Each structure stands twice: as C-alpha cells, then as structure tokens.
Amino acid sequence: MNKLELLDKQNLIQESIKNLISKGESEVRKLNDEEGTELEGFKTELAGIKAQLEEIRKEDEQANKSNKTITINKRNMEQFNLIEVIRNEAERRSQSDANLEVLQAGTKSFSGTGLEYKGQIQLPLEYRAEIVAAGNPVVATDKLNLLEPLRAKLVAVQAGAQLITGLVGNVSIPTYSGSNASWVGETVVAVEGAGTFGEVTLGPKRLTTFIDVSKQFLAQDGINAQQILIDDLTTAISSKLEATIFGKAATVATIPDGFYTGIADGSLVVKGASTWAKVVALEANVDTSNALIGKIAYITNSTGKSFLKTSAKAANTAAFLLDGGEMNGYPVYVTNHMCNGLATAANEQGLLFGNFNDLIIGQWGAIDITVDPYTQATYGKIRLIVNAYFDVKKRRNASFAVGSILS
C-alpha cells in the first residue's frame, strides 16, 4: 500500500479501537475475552502500519537529501538591470543573457498586436523567471514588474477602473443597460424587457512621452537607482494617461476621449459654487439610471478638494462636504490631472462621480523605449523616448455624472 492508503487504514483502525473501548465504557464493564482479542488484533495491525509509514518517511528523507544537489540555471538567477540595458544601448554594447531574456519577452509581446515597436528596448509590464531545482520549477521570481507601480499611480484604477493588459488586436467589451426582467402571470408569455445590449471596442492608441536621465545617474548600479528609474518611467506613462482620461481635449481619432471631451457648459450635471445640493444632484444623476452599483467614488483635483473641505453642508454648521476622505459615504480620490477652467470660469474644477468599474483601460504590447544619446548630450543627459499603447472606454455612459465646482 502507498502512504495515503496506509494513513486511511490507520485512521479506520484507530476509529475501531475507539468504538470498541467506548462500548465497554457506556455499559460500565470491562471488555470480554472476544473483545479483548479483537482489541489486541487491532493494536498489532496498527503497529505494522506505523512501521511501514516510518519506512516510507525514511525513504522520503533520503530522497530529499539526494535532491539537495540542485541544478540551477544561473542565467535565470541573474537580475534584469534596466540601467545597464540603457547604458549598453547608449554605448552600443551587447546585452547580457539575463537582460536579453527579458527584452526578448517584451519584443514577443508585440506578436499578433498589429503594432510595430520603434525603439531598441521593449519592456514587458511583467516578467517572471523560474529557478529550476532537480529538473522541476520550484521558485518563480519577479525580474521586472512595471504593472504594479503603474496600477498604484493610476487614480482611476484606485477608484475601481479595470486595467486589462496584454491585449491583441481590437477588443470588443460587452455592455448592457436597463433591465430585462418583469412580473407576469403564471401562464402569460414572457415579455421583452427594456434592457439594451451592445459593445464598445478598444483599439491600441500610441501614448508617447520622454524622460531625460543624466549619464552620472546611469553610472549607478544599485537596486535603488533602478527603482527610481522605473518610478520615473511609470509616472511618465500614468501622468500622460490620466491627463487624457480626466481631460477636455477635443475628439481625435488617435487619442482616447476624456471624461470632459465634448462636454459643453450646459452638459455639466452641476457647476458653480460647491454645495450639498450639487453633491446630491451628481449622485441622483447616476442613481436614476440604475447605475449606482459597483465601485462608486468621486474624483477631483487638489483645488477641488480644498473647495469641498471648506464648503459647509448648511449655514452655521461645522459639517463640511468632504470629511475624512469621503463625501456622503463615498470615497473621494484626488489627481491633479483632473481638468479645470470649466464652465468658462478659470478656477472651476472638475468633479466626477460614478461607478468606476465601468471604466476600462486597455493595454497592448510592451513599453517601447528609444535611447537617444544625442539630443541632450550637451547637458550630459540621455533622452528616453517612451511609447506605450492604451485605450480607454466607458462601458456605460450613465454610470458617470460629470460636473464642476467653484469655492
């Protein structure tokens, strides 16, 4: 018998012994001769099973000792070094195997997307390597992780927006609004409800930005220096992306629409002085569309936040619109990429409310970087031109109420 079968049998015998003893105790008597013989038989069988289990344990222990001679792929153990990669590209030197492994994964992520990378460096958002022991993968270690810092910097994602990575080609996201349920009699034919099914299509749009890095900084090899560079890289991407999401630029085919794109003054749900009535009006606008479900939140900028924190709910009270990071029980997120200058007033700040689960951010391919050692050469810097591919769509317009506020 194998170990599992022996353990099962051991449990059965122990249960039988327990039942046999319990029977005598319940009848307040000693075991009779027949029961005594049966008990001794159980004990003998149990001792035999324990001996077999001990033998198996020793064999397993010996096998583990033999496996301590681990065959490890040293290449996989080496850490990816982004600073070294950039330095090598700027100085036209070849990359190490460990760096090439990650870069090749980034290049491969463009396959099937229909996109062409432009630079010398393609960074996958995530890359994990397995360390192999005795022919079996035993440890998976992060060699590069741009995804988590990017998520952390996107206020829209913090509020509940869904970031979908690794997309290939145009992607259709199903949408639904309304309801298709109704009450009818027992034998009455079901009627079609008011629900509407549809879809929104996400397609890759090129986001481009740049970072200037000093040559002195690139001479550093420490982990902290690399983390600073990754932080700068993800900040540049997230800043550009959020400026678009919460922006008011006109519709352009190559740029995702922002929440305030095409929103005329009269289309704002609320505007003007920040009051409790306007807060309630924003919520009511979403609630009447049966969209007040999911990850509900407000988003504004720092100036808008200060308006809300100093605007009283009612005259002569110490209760303010924004208190403890919440407004009427919903969290308030802040990003200075939220647009301003709305409703023709220079200091009118955007205030957005809704179910951010219905905001989809799509990402394609890898982060594509061109290393330019010439443009900023006289300043002792290297310019990194960053290209990334994203799109942003709302699954349901009614899930959001777009407004603005003054102090």
Protein backbone atom coordinates (compact mmCIF):
# COMPACT_ATOMS: atom_id res chain seq x y z
CA MET A 1 0.00 0.00 0.00
CA ASN A 2 1.10 3.55 -0.61
CA LYS A 3 1.38 6.22 2.07
CA LEU A 4 -2.14 7.57 1.53
CA GLU A 5 -3.72 4.13 1.73
CA LEU A 6 -1.76 3.32 4.90
CA LEU A 7 -2.91 6.56 6.54
CA ASP A 8 -6.53 5.84 5.64
CA LYS A 9 -6.29 2.34 7.10
CA GLN A 10 -4.60 3.69 10.24
CA ASN A 11 -7.49 6.11 10.76
CA LEU A 12 -10.06 3.30 10.34
CA ILE A 13 -8.29 1.06 12.88
CA GLN A 14 -7.99 3.90 15.39
CA GLU A 15 -11.69 4.60 14.98
CA SER A 16 -12.49 0.90 15.52
CA ILE A 17 -10.40 0.83 18.73
CA LYS A 18 -12.16 3.95 19.95
CA ASN A 19 -15.60 2.47 19.27
CA LEU A 20 -14.70 -0.84 20.98
CA ILE A 21 -13.49 0.89 24.16
CA SER A 22 -16.44 3.30 24.16
CA LYS A 23 -18.88 0.38 24.02
CA GLY A 24 -17.44 -1.11 27.24
CA GLU A 25 -17.41 2.27 28.97
CA SER A 26 -21.01 3.03 28.02
CA GLU A 27 -22.08 -0.32 29.51
CA VAL A 28 -19.85 0.26 32.57
CA ARG A 29 -17.96 -3.01 32.17
CA LYS A 30 -14.61 -4.47 31.14
CA LEU A 31 -14.09 -5.85 27.67
CA ASN A 32 -14.96 -9.54 27.37
CA ASP A 33 -12.49 -12.12 26.03
CA GLU A 34 -13.71 -11.83 22.45
CA GLU A 35 -13.49 -8.03 22.53
CA GLY A 36 -10.07 -8.22 24.20
CA THR A 37 -8.76 -10.49 21.42
CA GLU A 38 -10.19 -8.12 18.81
CA LEU A 39 -8.51 -5.15 20.50
CA GLU A 40 -5.12 -6.90 20.54
CA GLY A 41 -5.53 -7.67 16.84
CA PHE A 42 -6.21 -4.02 16.09
CA LYS A 43 -3.13 -2.97 18.07
CA THR A 44 -0.91 -5.46 16.24
CA GLU A 45 -2.19 -4.28 12.86
CA LEU A 46 -1.75 -0.64 13.88
CA ALA A 47 1.87 -1.29 14.91
CA GLY A 48 2.56 -2.83 11.49
CA ILE A 49 1.10 0.19 9.69
CA LYS A 50 3.16 2.60 11.79
CA ALA A 51 6.30 0.62 10.94
CA GLN A 52 5.51 0.87 7.20
CA LEU A 53 4.85 4.62 7.49
CA GLU A 54 8.17 5.08 9.29
CA GLU A 55 9.95 3.22 6.47
CA ILE A 56 8.32 5.46 3.88
CA ARG A 57 9.32 8.55 5.90
CA LYS A 58 12.97 7.43 5.92
CA GLU A 59 12.90 6.81 2.17
CA ASP A 60 11.43 10.30 1.55
CA GLU A 61 14.07 11.85 3.79
CA GLN A 62 16.85 10.10 1.89
CA ALA A 63 15.38 11.20 -1.43
CA ASN A 64 15.25 14.83 -0.24
CA LYS A 65 18.90 14.67 0.78
CA SER A 66 19.80 13.39 -2.67
CA ASN A 67 17.91 16.31 -4.28
CA LYS A 68 19.89 18.91 -2.36
CA THR A 69 22.32 18.94 -5.25
CA ILE A 70 20.26 21.49 -7.15
CA THR A 71 20.81 22.23 -10.80
CA ILE A 72 20.09 25.92 -11.15
CA ASN A 73 20.02 27.89 -14.35
CA LYS A 74 22.39 30.72 -13.36
CA ARG A 75 21.09 32.87 -16.16
CA ASN A 76 17.62 32.78 -14.61
CA MET A 77 19.01 33.78 -11.21
CA GLU A 78 20.60 36.95 -12.56
CA GLN A 79 18.50 40.07 -12.11
CA PHE A 80 17.37 42.20 -15.02
CA ASN A 81 19.12 45.57 -14.89
CA LEU A 82 17.28 48.36 -16.73
CA ILE A 83 20.01 50.93 -16.09
CA GLU A 84 22.60 48.57 -17.56
CA VAL A 85 20.35 47.95 -20.58
CA ILE A 86 20.06 51.69 -21.30
CA ARG A 87 23.76 52.24 -20.73
CA ASN A 88 24.62 49.40 -23.12
CA GLU A 89 22.31 50.78 -25.82
CA ALA A 90 23.73 54.29 -25.46
CA GLU A 91 27.28 52.96 -25.71
CA ARG A 92 26.43 50.40 -28.40
CA ARG A 93 27.45 47.40 -26.30
CA SER A 94 25.84 43.98 -26.32
CA GLN A 95 23.38 42.97 -23.60
CA SER A 96 23.89 40.20 -21.07
CA ASP A 97 21.90 36.99 -21.41
CA ALA A 98 19.77 37.88 -18.38
CA ASN A 99 18.84 41.26 -19.87
CA LEU A 100 18.23 39.78 -23.31
CA GLU A 101 15.84 37.23 -21.83
CA VAL A 102 13.52 39.98 -20.56
CA LEU A 103 13.89 42.18 -23.65
CA GLN A 104 13.02 39.28 -25.94
CA ALA A 105 9.88 38.66 -23.89
CA GLY A 106 8.96 42.32 -24.43
CA THR A 107 9.52 42.04 -28.17
CA LYS A 108 7.46 38.85 -28.28
CA SER A 109 4.52 40.61 -26.59
CA PHE A 110 4.05 42.67 -29.75
CA SER A 111 3.30 39.50 -31.74
CA GLY A 112 -0.26 39.48 -33.03
CA THR A 113 -0.99 43.04 -31.89
CA GLY A 114 -0.53 44.54 -35.34
CA LEU A 115 1.82 47.08 -33.75
CA GLU A 116 5.43 47.79 -34.61
CA TYR A 117 7.92 48.70 -31.92
CA LYS A 118 10.13 51.66 -32.69
CA GLY A 119 12.95 51.65 -30.14
CA GLN A 120 15.82 49.44 -29.10
CA ILE A 121 14.19 48.39 -25.80
CA GLN A 122 10.85 46.66 -25.29
CA LEU A 123 9.89 46.16 -21.64
CA PRO A 124 7.09 43.73 -20.76
CA LEU A 125 4.84 45.04 -17.99
CA GLU A 126 5.62 41.87 -16.05
CA TYR A 127 8.26 39.20 -16.39
CA ARG A 128 8.84 36.28 -14.05
CA ALA A 129 11.64 33.72 -14.24
CA GLU A 130 11.64 30.22 -12.78
CA ILE A 131 14.63 28.83 -10.89
CA VAL A 132 14.85 25.11 -11.62
CA ALA A 133 15.83 22.55 -9.00
CA ALA A 134 16.36 18.85 -9.78
CA GLY A 135 14.56 19.29 -13.09
CA ASN A 136 11.44 20.83 -11.54
CA PRO A 137 10.44 24.52 -11.39
CA VAL A 138 10.46 25.44 -7.72
CA VAL A 139 10.67 29.23 -7.49
CA ALA A 140 9.23 32.00 -9.64
CA THR A 141 10.88 35.36 -9.09
CA ASP A 142 9.99 38.80 -10.43
CA LYS A 143 12.69 40.02 -12.79
CA LEU A 144 10.68 43.04 -13.92
CA ASN A 145 7.35 44.40 -12.69
CA LEU A 146 6.09 47.65 -14.17
CA LEU A 147 2.43 46.71 -13.79
CA GLU A 148 2.05 47.13 -10.04
CA PRO A 149 3.69 50.58 -9.84
CA LEU A 150 1.59 51.64 -12.82
CA ARG A 151 -1.63 50.45 -11.12
CA ALA A 152 -0.63 52.26 -7.95
CA LYS A 153 -0.13 55.55 -9.77
CA LEU A 154 -3.39 55.47 -11.75
CA VAL A 155 -6.02 57.14 -9.58
CA ALA A 156 -8.72 55.83 -11.91
CA VAL A 157 -7.61 52.26 -11.11
CA GLN A 158 -7.55 53.05 -7.39
CA ALA A 159 -11.15 54.24 -7.78
CA GLY A 160 -12.14 50.96 -9.44
CA ALA A 161 -11.31 51.21 -13.16
CA GLN A 162 -10.32 47.91 -14.77
CA LEU A 163 -6.82 47.78 -16.31
CA ILE A 164 -6.63 44.97 -18.87
CA THR A 165 -3.13 44.19 -20.13
CA GLY A 166 -1.63 42.05 -22.88
CA LEU A 167 -4.40 42.72 -25.42
CA VAL A 168 -4.11 41.57 -29.04
CA GLY A 169 -5.85 43.49 -31.83
CA ASN A 170 -9.07 45.42 -31.35
CA VAL A 171 -11.12 44.14 -28.42
CA SER A 172 -14.91 44.32 -28.04
CA ILE A 173 -16.20 44.73 -24.49
CA PRO A 174 -19.88 43.80 -23.97
CA THR A 175 -22.16 46.42 -22.48
CA TYR A 176 -25.65 46.27 -21.01
CA SER A 177 -28.06 48.86 -19.75
CA GLY A 178 -31.59 48.72 -18.40
CA SER A 179 -33.39 45.59 -17.22
CA ASN A 180 -34.89 42.58 -18.98
CA ALA A 181 -36.83 41.19 -16.03
CA SER A 182 -40.58 41.66 -15.47
CA TRP A 183 -43.51 40.27 -13.47
CA VAL A 184 -46.09 38.25 -15.41
CA GLY A 185 -48.88 35.81 -14.68
CA GLU A 186 -48.20 32.10 -14.34
CA THR A 187 -49.26 31.23 -17.89
CA VAL A 188 -48.51 34.59 -19.52
CA VAL A 189 -45.82 34.70 -22.19
CA ALA A 190 -42.66 36.44 -21.00
CA VAL A 191 -42.20 39.90 -22.45
CA GLU A 192 -39.02 41.52 -23.59
CA GLY A 193 -37.64 43.95 -21.04
CA ALA A 194 -36.10 47.34 -21.59
CA GLY A 195 -32.53 46.08 -21.46
CA THR A 196 -30.12 47.04 -24.21
CA PHE A 197 -27.07 45.00 -25.11
CA GLY A 198 -24.16 46.45 -27.03
CA GLU A 199 -20.42 46.68 -27.11
CA VAL A 200 -17.58 49.15 -27.03
CA THR A 201 -14.41 48.48 -28.96
CA LEU A 202 -10.96 49.21 -27.64
CA GLY A 203 -8.14 49.67 -30.10
CA PRO A 204 -4.47 50.48 -29.43
CA LYS A 205 -3.56 54.17 -29.45
CA ARG A 206 0.03 55.30 -29.10
CA LEU A 207 0.92 57.22 -25.95
CA THR A 208 4.30 58.86 -26.17
CA THR A 209 6.41 60.77 -23.66
CA PHE A 210 10.08 61.15 -22.79
CA ILE A 211 12.41 61.16 -19.80
CA ASP A 212 15.84 62.79 -19.63
CA VAL A 213 18.32 60.84 -17.49
CA SER A 214 21.78 62.08 -16.54
CA LYS A 215 24.77 59.98 -17.56
CA GLN A 216 26.00 60.23 -13.98
CA PHE A 217 22.77 58.59 -12.79
CA LEU A 218 23.15 55.83 -15.39
CA ALA A 219 26.58 55.07 -13.95
CA GLN A 220 24.84 53.76 -10.82
CA ASP A 221 24.20 50.04 -10.49
CA GLY A 222 22.28 49.84 -7.22
CA ILE A 223 18.77 48.45 -6.91
CA ASN A 224 17.52 51.78 -5.53
CA ALA A 225 18.72 53.62 -8.64
CA GLN A 226 16.86 51.16 -10.87
CA GLN A 227 13.72 51.58 -8.76
CA ILE A 228 13.93 55.37 -9.17
CA LEU A 229 14.15 54.95 -12.94
CA ILE A 230 11.18 52.55 -13.00
CA ASP A 231 9.24 55.00 -10.83
CA ASP A 232 10.01 57.84 -13.27
CA LEU A 233 9.01 55.66 -16.20
CA THR A 234 5.65 54.58 -14.75
CA THR A 235 4.96 58.15 -13.56
CA ALA A 236 5.51 59.50 -17.06
CA ILE A 237 3.07 56.96 -18.51
CA SER A 238 0.42 57.32 -15.82
CA SER A 239 0.57 61.13 -15.94
CA LYS A 240 0.01 61.21 -19.68
CA LEU A 241 -2.76 58.63 -19.45
CA GLU A 242 -4.63 60.35 -16.63
CA ALA A 243 -4.30 63.77 -18.23
CA THR A 244 -6.22 62.25 -21.14
CA ILE A 245 -8.79 60.34 -19.07
CA PHE A 246 -9.72 63.39 -16.99
CA GLY A 247 -9.11 65.90 -19.78
CA LYS A 248 -11.32 68.01 -22.02
CA ALA A 249 -9.40 67.88 -25.31
CA ALA A 250 -11.45 67.64 -28.49
CA THR A 251 -12.11 64.24 -30.03
CA VAL A 252 -9.18 62.95 -32.09
CA ALA A 253 -9.08 59.51 -33.70
CA THR A 254 -5.63 58.73 -32.28
CA ILE A 255 -6.41 59.77 -28.69
CA PRO A 256 -8.95 58.27 -26.26
CA ASP A 257 -11.77 60.62 -25.30
CA GLY A 258 -11.57 62.11 -21.83
CA PHE A 259 -14.49 62.42 -19.45
CA TYR A 260 -14.83 66.09 -20.37
CA THR A 261 -14.33 65.67 -24.11
CA GLY A 262 -17.30 67.24 -25.93
CA ILE A 263 -18.94 68.32 -22.65
CA ALA A 264 -20.35 71.80 -23.16
CA ASP A 265 -21.16 74.06 -20.21
CA GLY A 266 -24.81 73.12 -20.43
CA SER A 267 -23.98 69.40 -20.38
CA LEU A 268 -22.37 69.52 -16.96
CA VAL A 269 -24.63 67.90 -14.38
CA VAL A 270 -23.61 70.53 -11.83
CA LYS A 271 -21.40 73.62 -11.95
CA GLY A 272 -20.66 76.68 -9.91
CA ALA A 273 -20.39 77.01 -6.13
CA SER A 274 -19.83 73.73 -4.28
CA THR A 275 -22.94 72.94 -2.25
CA TRP A 276 -24.53 69.90 -0.64
CA ALA A 277 -27.39 70.09 -3.14
CA LYS A 278 -24.96 69.70 -6.03
CA VAL A 279 -23.29 66.71 -4.42
CA VAL A 280 -26.70 65.06 -4.10
CA ALA A 281 -27.54 66.02 -7.69
CA LEU A 282 -24.45 64.21 -9.01
CA GLU A 283 -25.38 61.05 -7.13
CA ALA A 284 -29.02 61.29 -8.22
CA ASN A 285 -27.94 61.56 -11.87
CA VAL A 286 -26.25 58.14 -11.65
CA ASP A 287 -28.88 56.63 -9.35
CA THR A 288 -31.79 57.41 -11.67
CA SER A 289 -30.02 55.39 -14.38
CA ASN A 290 -29.83 52.37 -12.02
CA ALA A 291 -26.04 52.61 -12.18
CA LEU A 292 -25.31 53.26 -8.51
CA ILE A 293 -23.66 49.88 -8.05
CA GLY A 294 -20.05 48.68 -8.15
CA LYS A 295 -17.02 50.79 -7.16
CA ILE A 296 -18.64 54.16 -6.52
CA ALA A 297 -16.40 57.17 -5.96
CA TYR A 298 -15.74 60.86 -6.56
CA ILE A 299 -12.64 62.18 -8.31
CA THR A 300 -11.46 65.80 -8.33
CA ASN A 301 -8.15 67.68 -8.14
CA SER A 302 -6.35 69.29 -5.20
CA THR A 303 -8.08 72.63 -5.68
CA GLY A 304 -11.47 70.96 -5.94
CA LYS A 305 -10.65 69.01 -2.78
CA SER A 306 -9.93 72.25 -0.92
CA PHE A 307 -13.29 73.65 -2.10
CA LEU A 308 -15.12 70.59 -0.79
CA LYS A 309 -13.26 70.56 2.54
CA THR A 310 -14.17 74.19 3.24
CA SER A 311 -17.76 74.19 1.95
CA ALA A 312 -20.32 73.67 4.70
CA LYS A 313 -23.30 71.36 4.17
CA ALA A 314 -25.55 74.05 5.60
CA ALA A 315 -25.17 77.53 7.05
CA ASN A 316 -23.85 77.86 10.59
CA THR A 317 -22.71 74.23 10.84
CA ALA A 318 -19.30 72.62 11.35
CA ALA A 319 -20.16 69.84 8.86
CA PHE A 320 -18.33 70.10 5.54
CA LEU A 321 -18.96 68.40 2.19
CA LEU A 322 -15.70 66.45 2.30
CA ASP A 323 -14.85 64.91 5.64
CA GLY A 324 -12.40 62.11 6.41
CA GLY A 325 -11.69 61.40 2.73
CA GLU A 326 -15.37 60.73 1.98
CA MET A 327 -18.37 62.64 0.72
CA ASN A 328 -21.81 61.33 1.63
CA GLY A 329 -20.24 57.94 2.41
CA TYR A 330 -18.36 57.61 -0.90
CA PRO A 331 -14.53 57.86 -1.19
CA VAL A 332 -13.03 60.93 -2.82
CA TYR A 333 -9.88 60.44 -4.92
CA VAL A 334 -7.60 63.25 -5.98
CA THR A 335 -5.49 63.67 -9.10
CA ASN A 336 -4.08 66.92 -10.38
CA HIS A 337 -4.66 65.64 -13.89
CA MET A 338 -8.37 66.39 -13.42
CA CYS A 339 -9.12 69.32 -15.73
CA ASN A 340 -10.04 72.83 -14.63
CA GLY A 341 -11.14 76.07 -16.25
CA LEU A 342 -14.58 74.56 -16.84
CA ALA A 343 -17.91 76.34 -17.35
CA THR A 344 -15.99 79.40 -18.60
CA ALA A 345 -14.56 80.07 -15.11
CA ALA A 346 -10.78 79.99 -14.77
CA ASN A 347 -10.93 78.34 -11.35
CA GLU A 348 -13.82 75.95 -11.93
CA GLN A 349 -12.55 72.45 -11.12
CA GLY A 350 -13.72 69.10 -12.44
CA LEU A 351 -15.76 66.90 -10.11
CA LEU A 352 -16.61 63.41 -11.36
CA PHE A 353 -18.88 60.83 -9.72
CA GLY A 354 -19.72 57.31 -10.78
CA ASN A 355 -19.16 53.57 -10.85
CA PHE A 356 -15.53 53.28 -11.93
CA ASN A 357 -15.85 49.53 -12.53
CA ASP A 358 -17.44 50.65 -15.80
CA LEU A 359 -14.25 52.37 -16.94
CA ILE A 360 -11.99 50.06 -18.98
CA ILE A 361 -8.30 50.82 -19.60
CA GLY A 362 -6.77 48.52 -22.22
CA GLN A 363 -3.05 47.99 -22.82
CA TRP A 364 -1.23 46.35 -25.76
CA GLY A 365 2.31 45.08 -26.30
CA ALA A 366 5.26 46.25 -24.22
CA ILE A 367 6.68 49.59 -23.16
CA ASP A 368 8.79 50.62 -26.14
CA ILE A 369 11.84 52.81 -25.43
CA THR A 370 14.16 54.58 -27.83
CA VAL A 371 17.52 55.53 -26.32
CA ASP A 372 18.62 58.90 -27.71
CA PRO A 373 22.17 59.79 -26.56
CA TYR A 374 22.41 62.88 -28.79
CA THR A 375 19.55 65.36 -28.22
CA GLN A 376 20.59 66.19 -24.63
CA ALA A 377 24.28 65.30 -24.99
CA THR A 378 25.49 68.84 -24.25
CA TYR A 379 23.69 68.63 -20.88
CA GLY A 380 25.27 65.30 -20.02
CA LYS A 381 21.91 63.52 -20.37
CA ILE A 382 20.35 60.70 -22.36
CA ARG A 383 16.78 61.06 -23.56
CA LEU A 384 14.47 58.06 -23.29
CA ILE A 385 11.53 58.31 -25.70
CA VAL A 386 8.73 56.14 -24.40
CA ASN A 387 5.92 54.66 -26.47
CA ALA A 388 3.06 52.67 -24.96
CA TYR A 389 -0.28 51.55 -26.36
CA PHE A 390 -3.50 52.15 -24.46
CA ASP A 391 -7.18 52.87 -24.97
CA VAL A 392 -9.87 53.95 -22.53
CA LYS A 393 -13.62 53.44 -22.83
CA LYS A 394 -16.70 53.64 -20.64
CA ARG A 395 -18.87 50.53 -20.70
CA ARG A 396 -21.86 52.66 -19.81
CA ASN A 397 -22.09 56.45 -20.01
CA ALA A 398 -24.91 56.51 -17.46
CA SER A 399 -22.52 55.16 -14.83
CA PHE A 400 -20.90 58.59 -14.55
CA ALA A 401 -22.01 62.11 -13.73
CA VAL A 402 -19.70 64.86 -14.96
CA GLY A 403 -19.66 68.19 -13.15
CA SER A 404 -17.54 71.07 -11.91
CA ILE A 405 -17.29 73.22 -8.79
CA LEU A 406 -16.15 76.58 -7.51
CA SER A 407 -15.25 77.59 -3.97
